N, C-alpha and C. Protein backbone atom coordinates (compact mmCIF):
# COMPACT_ATOMS: atom_id res chain seq x y z
N UNK A 1 46.30 6.95 17.78
CA UNK A 1 45.85 7.76 16.67
C UNK A 1 44.47 7.27 16.24
N UNK A 2 43.73 8.19 15.70
CA UNK A 2 42.41 7.87 15.19
C UNK A 2 42.53 7.50 13.72
N UNK A 3 41.77 6.51 13.34
CA UNK A 3 41.79 6.13 11.93
C UNK A 3 40.81 7.03 11.15
N UNK A 4 40.99 7.06 9.87
CA UNK A 4 40.12 7.86 9.01
C UNK A 4 38.67 7.35 9.11
N UNK A 5 38.50 6.03 9.23
CA UNK A 5 37.16 5.45 9.34
C UNK A 5 36.48 5.91 10.63
N UNK A 6 37.23 5.98 11.74
CA UNK A 6 36.66 6.42 13.02
C UNK A 6 36.21 7.87 12.94
N UNK A 7 37.02 8.71 12.36
CA UNK A 7 36.68 10.13 12.23
C UNK A 7 35.45 10.28 11.33
N UNK A 8 35.39 9.52 10.25
CA UNK A 8 34.26 9.57 9.34
C UNK A 8 32.97 9.14 10.05
N UNK A 9 33.04 8.08 10.85
CA UNK A 9 31.88 7.57 11.58
C UNK A 9 31.37 8.61 12.58
N UNK A 10 32.27 9.23 13.31
CA UNK A 10 31.88 10.25 14.29
C UNK A 10 31.28 11.46 13.58
N UNK A 11 31.82 11.84 12.45
CA UNK A 11 31.29 12.96 11.67
C UNK A 11 29.89 12.67 11.19
N UNK A 12 29.65 11.47 10.68
CA UNK A 12 28.31 11.09 10.22
C UNK A 12 27.32 11.08 11.38
N UNK A 13 27.73 10.56 12.52
CA UNK A 13 26.85 10.52 13.68
C UNK A 13 26.48 11.93 14.13
N UNK A 14 27.44 12.82 14.15
CA UNK A 14 27.19 14.21 14.54
C UNK A 14 26.27 14.89 13.54
N UNK A 15 26.45 14.62 12.28
CA UNK A 15 25.59 15.22 11.25
C UNK A 15 24.15 14.74 11.41
N UNK A 16 23.96 13.48 11.78
CA UNK A 16 22.61 12.95 12.00
C UNK A 16 21.92 13.61 13.17
N UNK A 17 22.65 13.88 14.23
CA UNK A 17 22.08 14.54 15.40
C UNK A 17 21.70 15.97 15.05
N UNK A 18 22.52 16.64 14.30
CA UNK A 18 22.25 18.02 13.92
C UNK A 18 21.04 18.08 12.99
N UNK A 19 20.86 17.11 12.11
CA UNK A 19 19.78 17.14 11.13
C UNK A 19 18.42 16.78 11.73
N UNK A 20 18.37 16.15 12.90
CA UNK A 20 17.12 15.69 13.47
C UNK A 20 16.06 16.76 13.64
N UNK A 21 16.37 17.95 14.16
CA UNK A 21 15.33 18.97 14.28
C UNK A 21 14.75 19.38 12.93
N UNK A 22 15.55 19.36 11.89
CA UNK A 22 15.06 19.71 10.56
C UNK A 22 14.06 18.69 10.05
N UNK A 23 14.21 17.43 10.42
CA UNK A 23 13.27 16.39 10.00
C UNK A 23 11.89 16.69 10.55
N UNK A 24 11.81 17.08 11.81
CA UNK A 24 10.52 17.40 12.40
C UNK A 24 9.89 18.61 11.70
N UNK A 25 10.68 19.60 11.38
CA UNK A 25 10.16 20.77 10.69
C UNK A 25 9.63 20.40 9.31
N UNK A 26 10.30 19.47 8.62
CA UNK A 26 9.84 19.05 7.30
C UNK A 26 8.55 18.26 7.37
N UNK A 27 8.25 17.63 8.51
CA UNK A 27 7.04 16.82 8.65
C UNK A 27 5.83 17.66 9.04
N UNK A 28 6.02 18.92 9.39
CA UNK A 28 4.89 19.78 9.71
C UNK A 28 4.03 19.95 8.46
N UNK A 29 2.74 19.77 8.62
CA UNK A 29 1.83 19.90 7.49
C UNK A 29 1.67 18.64 6.66
N UNK A 30 2.38 17.57 7.02
CA UNK A 30 2.32 16.32 6.25
C UNK A 30 1.43 15.32 6.98
N UNK A 31 0.51 14.70 6.22
CA UNK A 31 -0.37 13.66 6.77
C UNK A 31 -0.10 12.39 5.97
N UNK A 32 0.40 11.36 6.68
CA UNK A 32 0.77 10.09 6.05
C UNK A 32 -0.31 9.05 6.34
N UNK A 33 -0.87 8.44 5.28
CA UNK A 33 -2.00 7.52 5.38
C UNK A 33 -1.65 6.18 4.74
N UNK A 34 -2.13 5.08 5.37
CA UNK A 34 -1.96 3.73 4.82
C UNK A 34 -3.34 3.11 4.60
N UNK A 35 -3.50 2.37 3.49
CA UNK A 35 -4.76 1.69 3.15
C UNK A 35 -4.60 0.18 3.35
N UNK A 36 -5.67 -0.48 3.88
CA UNK A 36 -5.64 -1.91 4.18
C UNK A 36 -6.85 -2.63 3.57
N UNK A 37 -6.71 -3.94 3.39
CA UNK A 37 -7.77 -4.74 2.76
C UNK A 37 -8.91 -5.10 3.70
N UNK A 38 -8.71 -5.04 5.02
CA UNK A 38 -9.75 -5.43 5.96
C UNK A 38 -10.05 -4.29 6.92
N UNK A 39 -11.25 -4.33 7.53
CA UNK A 39 -11.63 -3.34 8.53
C UNK A 39 -10.63 -3.32 9.68
N UNK A 40 -10.53 -2.21 10.35
CA UNK A 40 -9.63 -2.09 11.50
C UNK A 40 -8.17 -2.09 11.11
N UNK A 41 -7.89 -1.80 9.86
CA UNK A 41 -6.51 -1.78 9.34
C UNK A 41 -5.81 -3.11 9.53
N UNK A 42 -6.57 -4.17 9.33
CA UNK A 42 -6.04 -5.52 9.37
C UNK A 42 -5.88 -6.02 7.94
N UNK A 43 -5.34 -7.19 7.79
CA UNK A 43 -5.18 -7.76 6.45
C UNK A 43 -3.98 -7.18 5.75
N UNK A 44 -4.00 -7.30 4.44
CA UNK A 44 -2.86 -6.86 3.65
C UNK A 44 -2.80 -5.34 3.53
N UNK A 45 -1.59 -4.83 3.64
CA UNK A 45 -1.33 -3.42 3.39
C UNK A 45 -1.43 -3.21 1.89
N UNK A 46 -2.24 -2.24 1.45
CA UNK A 46 -2.46 -2.02 0.03
C UNK A 46 -1.58 -0.92 -0.55
N UNK A 47 -1.61 0.23 0.08
CA UNK A 47 -0.98 1.42 -0.50
C UNK A 47 -0.79 2.44 0.60
N UNK A 48 0.08 3.39 0.38
CA UNK A 48 0.18 4.53 1.27
C UNK A 48 0.23 5.79 0.44
N UNK A 49 -0.11 6.88 1.07
CA UNK A 49 -0.09 8.16 0.37
C UNK A 49 0.18 9.27 1.36
N UNK A 50 0.52 10.42 0.84
CA UNK A 50 0.81 11.59 1.67
C UNK A 50 -0.10 12.72 1.22
N UNK A 51 -0.72 13.36 2.19
CA UNK A 51 -1.50 14.57 1.95
C UNK A 51 -0.77 15.73 2.62
N UNK A 52 -1.02 16.93 2.14
CA UNK A 52 -0.37 18.11 2.70
C UNK A 52 -1.43 19.06 3.22
N UNK A 53 -1.12 19.73 4.30
CA UNK A 53 -2.01 20.72 4.89
C UNK A 53 -2.00 21.95 3.98
N UNK A 54 -3.06 22.09 3.19
CA UNK A 54 -3.16 23.20 2.26
C UNK A 54 -4.08 24.30 2.78
N UNK A 55 -4.36 24.26 4.06
CA UNK A 55 -5.22 25.28 4.67
C UNK A 55 -6.60 24.75 4.95
N UNK A 56 -7.27 25.40 5.89
CA UNK A 56 -8.62 25.01 6.28
C UNK A 56 -9.55 25.10 5.08
N UNK A 57 -10.35 24.05 4.86
CA UNK A 57 -11.31 24.03 3.77
C UNK A 57 -10.73 23.66 2.41
N UNK A 58 -9.47 23.27 2.38
CA UNK A 58 -8.85 22.89 1.10
C UNK A 58 -9.45 21.59 0.59
N UNK A 59 -9.43 21.41 -0.70
CA UNK A 59 -9.95 20.22 -1.35
C UNK A 59 -8.83 19.21 -1.56
N UNK A 60 -8.89 18.10 -0.86
CA UNK A 60 -7.92 17.02 -1.05
C UNK A 60 -8.66 15.81 -1.59
N UNK A 61 -8.14 15.24 -2.66
CA UNK A 61 -8.78 14.11 -3.34
C UNK A 61 -8.12 12.82 -2.88
N UNK A 62 -8.94 11.80 -2.63
CA UNK A 62 -8.42 10.48 -2.29
C UNK A 62 -7.69 9.95 -3.52
N UNK A 63 -6.39 9.81 -3.42
CA UNK A 63 -5.58 9.45 -4.58
C UNK A 63 -5.54 7.96 -4.85
N UNK A 64 -5.74 7.14 -3.83
CA UNK A 64 -5.71 5.69 -4.04
C UNK A 64 -7.10 5.22 -4.47
N UNK A 65 -7.20 4.62 -5.64
CA UNK A 65 -8.48 4.22 -6.19
C UNK A 65 -8.73 2.72 -6.15
N UNK A 66 -7.80 1.95 -5.61
CA UNK A 66 -7.97 0.50 -5.53
C UNK A 66 -8.92 0.12 -4.41
N UNK A 67 -9.29 -1.16 -4.34
CA UNK A 67 -10.20 -1.61 -3.28
C UNK A 67 -9.49 -1.63 -1.92
N UNK A 68 -10.20 -1.16 -0.90
CA UNK A 68 -9.68 -1.21 0.47
C UNK A 68 -10.87 -1.18 1.42
N UNK A 69 -10.65 -1.61 2.66
CA UNK A 69 -11.71 -1.62 3.65
C UNK A 69 -11.49 -0.60 4.76
N UNK A 70 -10.26 -0.17 4.96
CA UNK A 70 -9.98 0.80 6.00
C UNK A 70 -8.66 1.51 5.71
N UNK A 71 -8.49 2.64 6.39
CA UNK A 71 -7.21 3.35 6.27
C UNK A 71 -6.85 3.96 7.59
N UNK A 72 -5.56 4.15 7.78
CA UNK A 72 -5.02 4.63 9.05
C UNK A 72 -4.18 5.88 8.81
N UNK A 73 -4.41 6.89 9.62
CA UNK A 73 -3.55 8.06 9.63
C UNK A 73 -2.38 7.72 10.55
N UNK A 74 -1.21 7.56 9.96
CA UNK A 74 -0.02 7.13 10.70
C UNK A 74 0.70 8.33 11.32
N UNK A 75 0.79 9.40 10.56
CA UNK A 75 1.47 10.60 11.02
C UNK A 75 0.63 11.79 10.57
N UNK A 76 0.43 12.75 11.48
CA UNK A 76 -0.40 13.90 11.15
C UNK A 76 0.24 15.16 11.68
N UNK A 77 0.95 15.85 10.82
CA UNK A 77 1.59 17.11 11.19
C UNK A 77 0.78 18.31 10.75
N UNK A 78 -0.48 18.11 10.40
CA UNK A 78 -1.32 19.21 9.93
C UNK A 78 -1.73 20.12 11.09
N UNK A 79 -1.89 21.39 10.79
CA UNK A 79 -2.40 22.35 11.78
C UNK A 79 -3.85 22.70 11.47
N UNK A 80 -4.35 22.25 10.33
CA UNK A 80 -5.75 22.44 9.93
C UNK A 80 -6.39 21.07 9.71
N UNK A 81 -7.72 21.01 9.80
CA UNK A 81 -8.42 19.76 9.47
C UNK A 81 -8.20 19.44 8.01
N UNK A 82 -8.12 18.16 7.71
CA UNK A 82 -7.92 17.68 6.35
C UNK A 82 -9.20 17.00 5.90
N UNK A 83 -9.81 17.48 4.82
CA UNK A 83 -11.02 16.87 4.25
C UNK A 83 -10.62 16.15 2.97
N UNK A 84 -10.79 14.82 2.98
CA UNK A 84 -10.41 14.00 1.83
C UNK A 84 -11.70 13.53 1.15
N UNK A 85 -11.83 13.87 -0.13
CA UNK A 85 -13.03 13.56 -0.91
C UNK A 85 -12.77 12.40 -1.86
N UNK A 86 -13.81 11.58 -2.07
CA UNK A 86 -13.71 10.51 -3.06
C UNK A 86 -13.99 11.04 -4.47
N UNK A 87 -14.73 12.13 -4.58
CA UNK A 87 -15.01 12.76 -5.89
C UNK A 87 -13.96 13.83 -6.18
N UNK A 88 -13.52 13.89 -7.41
CA UNK A 88 -12.49 14.87 -7.74
C UNK A 88 -13.02 16.30 -7.87
N UNK A 89 -14.35 16.50 -7.70
CA UNK A 89 -14.89 17.86 -7.68
C UNK A 89 -15.13 18.33 -6.24
N UNK A 90 -14.65 17.57 -5.28
CA UNK A 90 -14.75 17.91 -3.85
C UNK A 90 -16.18 18.11 -3.38
N UNK A 91 -17.05 17.21 -3.85
CA UNK A 91 -18.44 17.20 -3.40
C UNK A 91 -18.79 15.78 -2.96
N UNK A 92 -19.96 15.66 -2.37
CA UNK A 92 -20.48 14.33 -2.03
C UNK A 92 -21.60 13.93 -2.98
N UNK A 93 -21.70 14.63 -4.12
CA UNK A 93 -22.69 14.28 -5.14
C UNK A 93 -22.43 12.88 -5.69
N UNK A 94 -23.48 12.24 -6.19
CA UNK A 94 -23.36 10.93 -6.85
C UNK A 94 -22.64 9.90 -5.98
N UNK A 95 -23.07 9.78 -4.75
CA UNK A 95 -22.52 8.80 -3.80
C UNK A 95 -21.08 9.08 -3.41
N UNK A 96 -20.64 10.31 -3.54
CA UNK A 96 -19.29 10.66 -3.11
C UNK A 96 -19.19 10.72 -1.60
N UNK A 97 -18.00 10.51 -1.09
CA UNK A 97 -17.77 10.53 0.35
C UNK A 97 -16.72 11.57 0.69
N UNK A 98 -16.77 12.02 1.94
CA UNK A 98 -15.73 12.89 2.48
C UNK A 98 -15.41 12.41 3.89
N UNK A 99 -14.14 12.38 4.21
CA UNK A 99 -13.69 12.08 5.56
C UNK A 99 -12.88 13.27 6.02
N UNK A 100 -13.23 13.81 7.17
CA UNK A 100 -12.50 14.94 7.73
C UNK A 100 -11.64 14.45 8.88
N UNK A 101 -10.35 14.68 8.75
CA UNK A 101 -9.37 14.27 9.75
C UNK A 101 -8.96 15.51 10.54
N UNK A 102 -9.25 15.55 11.85
CA UNK A 102 -8.85 16.71 12.65
C UNK A 102 -7.33 16.89 12.66
N UNK A 103 -6.89 18.11 12.76
CA UNK A 103 -5.47 18.42 12.82
C UNK A 103 -4.81 17.62 13.95
N UNK A 104 -3.70 16.99 13.64
CA UNK A 104 -2.93 16.24 14.64
C UNK A 104 -3.49 14.88 15.01
N UNK A 105 -4.67 14.53 14.52
CA UNK A 105 -5.31 13.26 14.86
C UNK A 105 -4.65 12.09 14.15
N UNK A 106 -4.37 11.04 14.90
CA UNK A 106 -3.83 9.79 14.35
C UNK A 106 -4.82 8.70 14.73
N UNK A 107 -5.56 8.17 13.73
CA UNK A 107 -6.63 7.23 14.01
C UNK A 107 -6.92 6.33 12.83
N UNK A 108 -7.89 5.43 12.99
CA UNK A 108 -8.31 4.49 11.95
C UNK A 108 -9.65 4.94 11.37
N UNK A 109 -9.85 4.66 10.08
CA UNK A 109 -11.12 4.97 9.42
C UNK A 109 -11.55 3.76 8.62
N UNK A 110 -12.85 3.43 8.65
CA UNK A 110 -13.39 2.38 7.80
C UNK A 110 -13.78 2.97 6.46
N UNK A 111 -13.91 2.12 5.47
CA UNK A 111 -14.33 2.56 4.16
C UNK A 111 -15.83 2.79 4.19
N UNK A 112 -16.25 4.00 3.91
CA UNK A 112 -17.69 4.35 3.96
C UNK A 112 -18.41 3.83 2.74
């Protein structure tokens, strides 16, 4: 006979397999970024953030305002390029910066 614990374990395992395709669908349009204290994404991990693909030409503001030397795009489910601005008016006025991350690109960026 099967124990209740065995049936429960098999049910949970089956539910996890069924849910896997939905996880990938939920990650579409999501760009996951990590910030580091040293160039080349070395040193201490500072912060992470998530950006969403809001369409080509959308204004995305760099949400982490602490000191960092580099950041890494860990996961990129975007179908459009992501432009991340240091100025909250989405310009490069007054020493503002913009970094454009191509759709699907997973790479490292230095702090400009």
